Amino acid sequence: MEEALHRDVIATNSGNLIFSDATHKILETPHTEVVSNGVRTDISAAGRINEEYDAFVVPLANAFRPSFEGQLKRLTRLISKLKIPVVVAGVGAQAGLGYNAARLKGIEPAVREFVSAVLDRSASIGVRGEFTEKYLKDLGFRDVEVIGCPSLFMYGKELAVTKREAALVPGSRIAVNGSHSAVRSQGLERVIAGAHARYPNLRFIGQNISDARQLHWRDLSDPNGLVTAMPTHPEHPMYREDKVRVYVDPVTWIDDLRAFDFSFGSRIHGNIAALLAGTPATVLCGDSRTLELCRYFGIPHRRIDKLPEDLDPASLYEEADFGGLMSGHQERFERFTGFLDSNGLENTFTHGDGGAAFEERMRSLSFPAGIRPWNDADLTSLTTRFGWLQSRLTELATDNDRLRRELSRTGKPGTGLPAASVYRRARRVVGGPIRRALQSGR
């Protein structure tokens, strides 16, 4: 777990794992080997990709947003160097609930270059919903198809969500999720507090890498550490009561949600994980990216800006209707696989074993359980954490020795990192967690 958090294998948000895993499974057939190139864009890899692969598939989320502009430009530079087909399987634009694209004006050049590069290498571009479709068509692009998100097609045309209980009661098991912005400024803090008071078995499921590091290390160095109303913060009562989790793999995430009666909150993939587990879920939409996906798939949802002051999850559960989600699922699945077909990609449900081999391989592996709050100081807990920290110190000491030797050989000051810099790196890695653990008194 320590290494997973250090390397940020969830690419800052574990929701990325849901649609990337689904895409991998869907595209793997007897005639297709799927290889992940990781979450970082390596422009220098273009030559190798052209030589070794037949297609480059890009599953994306809300990539058309100002904060993603730098990554989008790097991805465009890579795609521009590719000579093989490039297929984007579900990309979204992010704006407010009113679908006003004005805030995206500044990134239009980057979006145009990206979409143009993709369409030069594919039959069409797959988008998440109605807003993104209109946004791209207003920019002059015509080969745009609404296909939703690959995540909900993880099990192909099969999707069964059932209310196992007639109504939620105080003993019901409820999962809640949400972003820091929703907690801080969209009223979700009040909703979580009310649910926490009513339902003893409420559990918050975080998704950010900062959430995970707060649980495992009590690390508050990220700006998100200022949001004390977030249940992943060590000062929050749900943290102290061990009612918070973060997952670093979809397998354990979905498996755990099978035991819950209901899921709700502002995280679209947090609730899609519940739906994949067969657990009823309602999304509290705070922007266009969640709203357009809910509308497309027929996922029960409410606008977060129109929630009553005393919202009870029981009312969300009572009104949630999954008829549209399930009755339209096969048609949406066929539209999705049609998109893949038109772009020259086979899928496991039509051309393979329906993902059986993929699932068997997943079940043969041992995945770590969800990360829990660090509320104790038992010997096992301390041993695993400090053992990893010691290995990091050893690595840094080795790096330091190597840099000293290089500096000695060249005789040139400024080559590599000075020893003081390496020492500061070691302190950043090791000092904070140990200090917080000792100061916690737990």
Protein backbone atom coordinates (compact mmCIF):
# COMPACT_ATOMS: atom_id res chain seq x y z
CA MET A 1 0.00 0.00 0.00
CA GLU A 2 2.82 2.40 0.84
CA GLU A 3 4.33 1.95 -2.61
CA ALA A 4 0.94 2.38 -4.30
CA LEU A 5 0.43 5.70 -2.54
CA HIS A 6 4.00 6.83 -3.18
CA ARG A 7 3.69 6.14 -6.93
CA ASP A 8 0.09 7.43 -7.07
CA VAL A 9 -1.11 4.41 -9.04
CA ILE A 10 -4.66 5.84 -9.04
CA ALA A 11 -3.59 8.92 -11.05
CA THR A 12 -4.87 11.25 -8.27
CA ASN A 13 -8.42 9.78 -8.34
CA SER A 14 -9.40 6.12 -7.98
CA GLY A 15 -12.42 6.75 -10.22
CA ASN A 16 -9.93 6.54 -13.11
CA LEU A 17 -9.45 2.86 -12.31
CA ILE A 18 -13.10 1.99 -12.92
CA PHE A 19 -13.25 3.07 -16.58
CA SER A 20 -9.65 2.08 -17.37
CA ASP A 21 -10.18 -1.45 -16.01
CA ALA A 22 -13.46 -1.72 -17.92
CA THR A 23 -11.80 -0.60 -21.16
CA HIS A 24 -8.97 -3.09 -20.71
CA LYS A 25 -11.41 -5.94 -20.12
CA ILE A 26 -13.72 -4.96 -22.99
CA LEU A 27 -10.92 -4.76 -25.58
CA GLU A 28 -9.15 -7.98 -24.63
CA THR A 29 -10.05 -10.77 -27.08
CA PRO A 30 -8.29 -13.92 -28.39
CA HIS A 31 -6.89 -11.77 -31.23
CA THR A 32 -6.06 -8.68 -29.16
CA GLU A 33 -3.43 -8.09 -26.52
CA VAL A 34 -4.08 -4.99 -24.43
CA VAL A 35 -1.06 -3.23 -22.93
CA SER A 36 -1.34 -0.23 -20.63
CA ASN A 37 1.11 2.60 -21.23
CA GLY A 38 0.50 3.98 -17.75
CA VAL A 39 -1.09 7.23 -16.67
CA ARG A 40 1.72 9.59 -17.68
CA THR A 41 2.08 10.77 -21.27
CA ASP A 42 5.51 9.90 -22.68
CA ILE A 43 5.87 11.77 -25.98
CA SER A 44 9.20 10.08 -26.68
CA ALA A 45 7.42 6.70 -26.82
CA ALA A 46 5.69 7.56 -30.13
CA GLY A 47 8.20 5.65 -32.28
CA ARG A 48 7.93 2.50 -30.19
CA ILE A 49 4.12 2.71 -30.15
CA ASN A 50 4.03 3.03 -33.95
CA GLU A 51 6.34 0.04 -34.32
CA GLU A 52 4.81 -2.34 -31.77
CA TYR A 53 1.07 -1.62 -31.71
CA ASP A 54 -1.91 -1.59 -34.07
CA ALA A 55 -4.05 1.00 -32.26
CA PHE A 56 -3.78 3.55 -29.46
CA VAL A 57 -6.90 3.72 -27.27
CA VAL A 58 -7.46 6.62 -24.90
CA PRO A 59 -10.14 6.24 -22.22
CA LEU A 60 -10.66 9.69 -20.68
CA ALA A 61 -12.91 11.42 -18.18
CA ASN A 62 -13.51 15.18 -17.94
CA ALA A 63 -10.44 16.08 -20.00
CA PHE A 64 -11.89 19.27 -21.50
CA ARG A 65 -11.37 21.52 -18.51
CA PRO A 66 -8.88 24.34 -17.82
CA SER A 67 -6.94 22.46 -15.14
CA PHE A 68 -6.25 19.60 -17.60
CA GLU A 69 -5.02 21.80 -20.44
CA GLY A 70 -1.33 20.97 -19.93
CA GLN A 71 -1.94 17.21 -19.96
CA LEU A 72 -4.23 17.56 -22.99
CA LYS A 73 -1.53 19.38 -24.92
CA ARG A 74 1.04 16.70 -24.09
CA LEU A 75 -1.37 13.99 -25.19
CA THR A 76 -1.99 15.89 -28.44
CA ARG A 77 1.75 16.07 -29.09
CA LEU A 78 2.02 12.31 -28.65
CA ILE A 79 -1.00 11.56 -30.85
CA SER A 80 0.31 13.88 -33.56
CA LYS A 81 3.37 11.64 -33.85
CA LEU A 82 1.35 8.43 -34.17
CA LYS A 83 0.72 6.74 -37.52
CA ILE A 84 -1.70 4.13 -36.18
CA PRO A 85 -5.44 4.53 -35.40
CA VAL A 86 -6.22 6.52 -32.25
CA VAL A 87 -9.55 5.92 -30.54
CA VAL A 88 -10.94 8.07 -27.72
CA ALA A 89 -13.50 6.00 -25.78
CA GLY A 90 -15.53 8.51 -23.81
CA VAL A 91 -14.31 12.05 -23.11
CA GLY A 92 -16.20 14.83 -21.37
CA ALA A 93 -16.20 18.61 -21.09
CA GLN A 94 -16.65 20.14 -17.65
CA ALA A 95 -18.85 23.14 -16.98
CA GLY A 96 -21.57 24.07 -14.53
CA LEU A 97 -25.01 22.55 -14.17
CA GLY A 98 -26.37 25.11 -16.62
CA TYR A 99 -24.22 23.66 -19.43
CA ASN A 100 -22.60 27.06 -20.07
CA ALA A 101 -19.38 26.48 -22.02
CA ALA A 102 -18.08 30.03 -21.50
CA ARG A 103 -15.53 28.92 -18.90
CA LEU A 104 -13.98 26.64 -21.56
CA LYS A 105 -13.26 29.50 -23.97
CA GLY A 106 -9.63 29.74 -22.95
CA ILE A 107 -8.86 26.10 -23.72
CA GLU A 108 -10.60 26.02 -27.12
CA PRO A 109 -7.32 26.00 -29.09
CA ALA A 110 -6.05 23.02 -27.09
CA VAL A 111 -9.35 21.15 -27.49
CA ARG A 112 -9.45 21.84 -31.25
CA GLU A 113 -5.91 20.55 -31.72
CA PHE A 114 -6.61 17.43 -29.67
CA VAL A 115 -9.88 16.51 -31.39
CA SER A 116 -8.42 17.26 -34.83
CA ALA A 117 -5.44 15.00 -34.12
CA VAL A 118 -7.76 12.20 -32.97
CA LEU A 119 -10.18 12.50 -35.90
CA ASP A 120 -7.27 12.42 -38.34
CA ARG A 121 -6.67 8.90 -37.00
CA SER A 122 -10.17 7.57 -36.31
CA ALA A 123 -13.69 7.43 -37.71
CA SER A 124 -15.22 9.36 -34.81
CA ILE A 125 -14.60 10.52 -31.25
CA GLY A 126 -16.65 9.03 -28.40
CA VAL A 127 -18.00 11.50 -25.83
CA ARG A 128 -19.74 11.02 -22.50
CA GLY A 129 -23.00 12.87 -23.07
CA GLU A 130 -25.18 15.58 -24.57
CA PHE A 131 -23.24 18.57 -23.30
CA THR A 132 -19.88 17.41 -24.66
CA GLU A 133 -21.49 16.47 -27.97
CA LYS A 134 -22.95 19.96 -28.39
CA TYR A 135 -19.71 21.58 -27.22
CA LEU A 136 -17.64 19.81 -29.89
CA LYS A 137 -20.22 20.31 -32.62
CA ASP A 138 -20.32 24.03 -31.81
CA LEU A 139 -16.55 23.99 -32.40
CA GLY A 140 -17.23 22.62 -35.88
CA PHE A 141 -16.63 18.90 -35.40
CA ARG A 142 -19.18 16.51 -36.87
CA ASP A 143 -17.83 12.99 -36.24
CA VAL A 144 -18.90 12.98 -32.59
CA GLU A 145 -20.74 10.04 -31.00
CA VAL A 146 -22.33 9.92 -27.54
CA ILE A 147 -21.28 6.59 -26.00
CA GLY A 148 -21.28 7.37 -22.28
CA CYS A 149 -18.45 5.93 -20.19
CA PRO A 150 -16.94 2.44 -20.64
CA SER A 151 -17.25 1.82 -16.89
CA LEU A 152 -20.92 0.85 -17.00
CA PHE A 153 -20.18 -1.72 -19.71
CA MET A 154 -17.74 -3.65 -17.54
CA TYR A 155 -20.17 -6.59 -17.58
CA GLY A 156 -21.37 -6.04 -21.14
CA LYS A 157 -25.11 -5.91 -21.67
CA GLU A 158 -25.72 -7.34 -18.19
CA LEU A 159 -26.63 -4.86 -15.47
CA ALA A 160 -28.91 -5.68 -12.53
CA VAL A 161 -29.55 -3.16 -9.77
CA THR A 162 -32.10 -4.20 -7.16
CA LYS A 163 -33.56 -2.59 -4.07
CA ARG A 164 -33.15 -5.40 -1.58
CA GLU A 165 -34.96 -3.49 1.18
CA ALA A 166 -38.35 -1.78 1.03
CA ALA A 167 -36.91 1.31 2.74
CA LEU A 168 -33.80 2.50 4.52
CA VAL A 169 -33.86 2.13 8.31
CA PRO A 170 -31.38 3.30 10.96
CA GLY A 171 -29.48 0.00 10.68
CA SER A 172 -29.10 0.16 6.89
CA ARG A 173 -25.60 0.05 5.43
CA ILE A 174 -25.10 3.22 3.40
CA ALA A 175 -22.07 4.41 1.43
CA VAL A 176 -21.57 8.11 0.79
CA ASN A 177 -18.97 9.77 -1.43
CA GLY A 178 -18.01 13.29 -2.43
CA SER A 179 -15.28 15.64 -3.58
CA HIS A 180 -13.57 18.24 -1.45
CA SER A 181 -15.23 21.03 -3.42
CA ALA A 182 -18.70 19.50 -2.88
CA VAL A 183 -18.02 19.26 0.86
CA ARG A 184 -16.46 22.69 1.11
CA SER A 185 -18.77 24.80 -1.02
CA GLN A 186 -21.75 22.83 -2.36
CA GLY A 187 -23.47 21.83 0.88
CA LEU A 188 -22.38 18.19 1.01
CA GLU A 189 -20.87 18.72 4.48
CA ARG A 190 -24.38 19.25 5.86
CA VAL A 191 -25.75 16.19 4.05
CA ILE A 192 -22.97 13.92 5.35
CA ALA A 193 -23.34 15.23 8.90
CA GLY A 194 -27.09 14.58 8.84
CA ALA A 195 -26.64 11.05 7.49
CA HIS A 196 -23.90 10.36 10.03
CA ALA A 197 -26.26 11.31 12.85
CA ARG A 198 -29.10 9.12 11.51
CA TYR A 199 -27.28 6.00 10.28
CA PRO A 200 -24.68 4.28 12.51
CA ASN A 201 -23.54 2.10 9.58
CA LEU A 202 -22.76 4.99 7.25
CA ARG A 203 -19.39 4.76 5.49
CA PHE A 204 -17.62 7.46 3.49
CA ILE A 205 -15.59 6.30 0.48
CA GLY A 206 -12.94 8.77 -0.64
CA GLN A 207 -11.26 8.77 -4.04
CA ASN A 208 -8.41 11.30 -4.08
CA ILE A 209 -4.78 10.38 -3.50
CA SER A 210 -4.83 13.01 -0.74
CA ASP A 211 -7.72 11.11 0.90
CA ALA A 212 -5.70 7.90 0.76
CA ARG A 213 -2.59 9.53 2.25
CA GLN A 214 -4.64 11.11 5.02
CA LEU A 215 -6.00 7.70 5.98
CA HIS A 216 -2.75 5.76 5.74
CA TRP A 217 -0.21 8.37 6.87
CA ARG A 218 -2.33 11.14 8.46
CA ASP A 219 -0.61 13.28 5.84
CA LEU A 220 -2.16 16.77 5.68
CA SER A 221 0.45 18.39 3.42
CA ASP A 222 -1.89 18.55 0.41
CA PRO A 223 -4.14 21.66 0.17
CA ASN A 224 -7.08 19.27 0.62
CA GLY A 225 -5.81 18.80 4.16
CA LEU A 226 -7.37 22.16 5.00
CA VAL A 227 -10.89 20.77 4.49
CA THR A 228 -11.55 19.50 8.01
CA ALA A 229 -15.21 18.77 7.16
CA MET A 230 -14.06 15.95 4.85
CA PRO A 231 -14.54 12.56 6.54
CA THR A 232 -11.04 11.51 5.43
CA HIS A 233 -9.56 14.27 7.64
CA PRO A 234 -8.16 12.93 10.95
CA GLU A 235 -10.20 15.49 12.89
CA HIS A 236 -13.52 14.26 11.48
CA PRO A 237 -15.64 11.99 13.72
CA MET A 238 -16.11 9.44 10.91
CA TYR A 239 -12.32 9.10 10.69
CA ARG A 240 -12.07 8.43 14.43
CA GLU A 241 -14.94 5.92 14.19
CA ASP A 242 -13.23 3.95 11.37
CA LYS A 243 -16.08 4.74 8.96
CA VAL A 244 -13.94 5.82 6.02
CA ARG A 245 -12.22 3.89 3.21
CA VAL A 246 -10.24 4.54 0.01
CA TYR A 247 -9.57 1.79 -2.54
CA VAL A 248 -6.61 1.37 -4.87
CA ASP A 249 -8.28 -1.27 -7.05
CA PRO A 250 -11.81 -1.68 -8.46
CA VAL A 251 -11.99 -5.36 -7.47
CA THR A 252 -12.04 -4.73 -3.72
CA TRP A 253 -14.03 -1.51 -4.15
CA ILE A 254 -16.89 -3.18 -6.05
CA ASP A 255 -16.79 -6.30 -3.86
CA ASP A 256 -17.19 -4.28 -0.66
CA LEU A 257 -20.11 -2.29 -2.09
CA ARG A 258 -22.09 -5.50 -2.71
CA ALA A 259 -22.80 -5.62 1.03
CA PHE A 260 -24.35 -2.13 1.12
CA ASP A 261 -28.03 -1.22 0.82
CA PHE A 262 -27.49 2.15 -0.87
CA SER A 263 -24.86 4.56 -2.15
CA PHE A 264 -25.14 8.28 -2.78
CA GLY A 265 -22.95 11.34 -3.21
CA SER A 266 -21.34 13.61 -5.78
CA ARG A 267 -18.78 11.14 -7.18
CA ILE A 268 -19.98 9.67 -10.47
CA HIS A 269 -17.62 6.69 -10.48
CA GLY A 270 -18.06 6.12 -6.77
CA ASN A 271 -21.74 5.52 -7.51
CA ILE A 272 -21.07 3.62 -10.74
CA ALA A 273 -18.94 1.25 -8.64
CA ALA A 274 -22.05 0.65 -6.51
CA LEU A 275 -24.25 0.07 -9.56
CA LEU A 276 -21.74 -2.45 -10.91
CA ALA A 277 -22.03 -4.19 -7.54
CA GLY A 278 -25.82 -4.29 -7.98
CA THR A 279 -26.30 -1.75 -5.19
CA PRO A 280 -28.80 1.10 -5.71
CA ALA A 281 -27.17 4.52 -6.03
CA THR A 282 -28.12 8.16 -6.52
CA VAL A 283 -25.73 10.82 -7.81
CA LEU A 284 -25.83 14.35 -6.40
CA CYS A 285 -24.80 16.24 -9.53
CA GLY A 286 -22.61 19.29 -9.07
CA ASP A 287 -21.48 19.93 -12.64
CA SER A 288 -22.07 19.04 -16.30
CA ARG A 289 -19.77 16.00 -16.33
CA THR A 290 -21.86 14.10 -13.78
CA LEU A 291 -25.20 15.44 -15.03
CA GLU A 292 -24.72 14.44 -18.67
CA LEU A 293 -23.64 10.92 -17.74
CA CYS A 294 -26.61 10.45 -15.41
CA ARG A 295 -29.00 11.67 -18.09
CA TYR A 296 -27.49 9.44 -20.74
CA PHE A 297 -27.48 6.27 -18.65
CA GLY A 298 -30.68 6.93 -16.72
CA ILE A 299 -28.89 6.92 -13.35
CA PRO A 300 -31.06 8.35 -10.54
CA HIS A 301 -29.76 11.81 -9.69
CA ARG A 302 -30.51 15.11 -7.99
CA ARG A 303 -28.92 18.52 -8.52
CA ILE A 304 -26.74 19.25 -5.53
CA ASP A 305 -27.73 22.92 -5.59
CA LYS A 306 -31.40 22.05 -5.12
CA LEU A 307 -31.22 19.69 -2.15
CA PRO A 308 -33.39 20.36 0.93
CA GLU A 309 -31.64 21.49 4.10
CA ASP A 310 -32.53 18.29 5.97
CA LEU A 311 -31.96 15.75 3.19
CA ASP A 312 -32.36 12.15 4.39
CA PRO A 313 -30.82 9.41 2.20
CA ALA A 314 -34.02 7.45 2.80
CA SER A 315 -35.89 9.87 0.53
CA LEU A 316 -33.28 9.41 -2.22
CA TYR A 317 -33.61 5.66 -1.90
CA GLU A 318 -37.40 5.79 -1.99
CA GLU A 319 -37.58 7.89 -5.16
CA ALA A 320 -34.72 6.16 -7.02
CA ASP A 321 -36.06 4.44 -10.13
CA PHE A 322 -33.69 2.12 -11.99
CA GLY A 323 -36.10 1.18 -14.78
CA GLY A 324 -34.54 3.48 -17.37
CA LEU A 325 -31.01 2.49 -16.40
CA MET A 326 -31.68 -1.20 -16.95
CA SER A 327 -34.23 -1.15 -19.77
CA GLY A 328 -32.02 1.03 -21.98
CA HIS A 329 -28.74 -0.64 -21.08
CA GLN A 330 -28.61 -3.13 -23.94
CA GLU A 331 -29.30 -0.44 -26.55
CA ARG A 332 -26.56 1.76 -25.07
CA PHE A 333 -24.21 -1.22 -24.98
CA GLU A 334 -24.85 -1.93 -28.66
CA ARG A 335 -24.22 1.73 -29.48
CA PHE A 336 -20.93 1.52 -27.61
CA THR A 337 -19.80 -1.68 -29.33
CA GLY A 338 -20.92 -0.20 -32.66
CA PHE A 339 -18.60 2.71 -32.00
CA LEU A 340 -15.75 0.27 -31.34
CA ASP A 341 -16.59 -1.66 -34.53
CA SER A 342 -16.59 1.47 -36.67
CA ASN A 343 -13.16 2.31 -35.29
CA GLY A 344 -11.75 -1.16 -36.00
CA LEU A 345 -11.75 -2.47 -32.42
CA GLU A 346 -13.05 -5.89 -31.37
CA ASN A 347 -14.71 -6.36 -27.98
CA THR A 348 -14.71 -9.37 -25.67
CA PHE A 349 -18.50 -9.68 -25.55
CA THR A 350 -18.90 -9.98 -29.33
CA HIS A 351 -15.55 -11.44 -30.35
CA GLY A 352 -14.26 -13.11 -27.18
CA ASP A 353 -15.23 -14.96 -24.01
CA GLY A 354 -17.25 -12.14 -22.45
CA GLY A 355 -14.37 -11.23 -20.18
CA ALA A 356 -14.28 -14.60 -18.39
CA ALA A 357 -10.50 -14.99 -18.66
CA PHE A 358 -9.97 -11.41 -17.49
CA GLU A 359 -12.22 -11.95 -14.45
CA GLU A 360 -10.53 -15.26 -13.64
CA ARG A 361 -7.14 -13.57 -13.73
CA MET A 362 -8.38 -10.82 -11.43
CA ARG A 363 -9.77 -13.36 -8.97
CA SER A 364 -6.45 -15.19 -8.87
CA LEU A 365 -4.69 -12.09 -7.57
CA SER A 366 -4.57 -10.80 -4.02
CA PHE A 367 -5.59 -7.15 -3.85
CA PRO A 368 -5.12 -4.97 -0.77
CA ALA A 369 -8.20 -4.19 1.26
CA GLY A 370 -9.54 -0.65 1.35
CA ILE A 371 -7.32 1.80 3.22
CA ARG A 372 -8.62 2.43 6.74
CA PRO A 373 -7.99 5.41 9.02
CA TRP A 374 -4.77 5.16 11.01
CA ASN A 375 -6.28 5.26 14.48
CA ASP A 376 -4.00 2.80 16.24
CA ALA A 377 -0.32 2.24 16.87
CA ASP A 378 -0.19 -1.56 17.06
CA LEU A 379 3.10 -3.25 16.27
CA THR A 380 1.97 -4.69 12.91
CA SER A 381 0.67 -1.32 11.71
CA LEU A 382 3.89 0.44 12.67
CA THR A 383 6.13 -2.31 11.30
CA THR A 384 4.72 -2.21 7.77
CA ARG A 385 4.81 1.57 7.55
CA PHE A 386 8.23 2.05 9.11
CA GLY A 387 9.63 -0.89 7.15
CA TRP A 388 8.68 0.86 3.92
CA LEU A 389 10.08 4.18 5.18
CA GLN A 390 13.36 2.47 6.03
CA SER A 391 13.57 1.05 2.50
CA ARG A 392 13.01 4.53 1.10
CA LEU A 393 15.84 5.89 3.27
CA THR A 394 18.11 3.15 1.97
CA GLU A 395 17.22 4.01 -1.64
CA LEU A 396 17.88 7.70 -1.04
CA ALA A 397 21.22 6.94 0.66
CA THR A 398 22.20 4.83 -2.37
CA ASP A 399 21.20 7.67 -4.70
CA ASN A 400 23.25 10.07 -2.58
CA ASP A 401 26.35 7.87 -2.81
CA ARG A 402 25.96 7.55 -6.58
CA LEU A 403 25.62 11.31 -7.01
CA ARG A 404 28.70 11.92 -4.85
CA ARG A 405 30.72 9.53 -7.02
CA GLU A 406 29.50 11.22 -10.22
CA LEU A 407 30.38 14.63 -8.81
CA SER A 408 33.81 13.38 -7.77
CA ARG A 409 34.48 11.95 -11.25
CA THR A 410 33.42 15.03 -13.17
CA GLY A 411 34.85 17.54 -10.75
CA LYS A 412 32.10 19.91 -11.83
CA PRO A 413 29.93 21.53 -9.20
CA GLY A 414 26.22 21.46 -9.88
CA THR A 415 26.22 17.97 -11.44
CA GLY A 416 23.28 15.95 -10.17
CA LEU A 417 21.72 16.74 -6.80
CA PRO A 418 23.80 18.06 -3.89
CA ALA A 419 23.81 15.97 -0.74
CA ALA A 420 21.72 18.52 1.13
CA SER A 421 18.97 18.11 -1.45
CA VAL A 422 18.95 14.35 -0.99
CA TYR A 423 18.79 14.83 2.78
CA ARG A 424 15.79 17.12 2.38
CA ARG A 425 14.10 14.52 0.15
CA ALA A 426 14.61 11.90 2.85
CA ARG A 427 13.15 14.19 5.49
CA ARG A 428 10.09 14.89 3.32
CA VAL A 429 9.49 11.18 2.78
CA VAL A 430 10.15 10.01 6.33
CA GLY A 431 9.96 12.85 8.80
CA GLY A 432 6.34 13.92 8.40
CA PRO A 433 4.64 10.52 8.76
CA ILE A 434 6.73 9.54 11.80
CA ARG A 435 6.14 12.91 13.43
CA ARG A 436 2.38 12.70 12.83
CA ALA A 437 2.20 9.13 14.10
CA LEU A 438 3.99 10.03 17.33
CA GLN A 439 2.00 13.21 17.84
CA SER A 440 -1.34 11.45 17.31
CA GLY A 441 -0.95 9.60 20.59
CA ARG A 442 -2.83 6.64 19.15
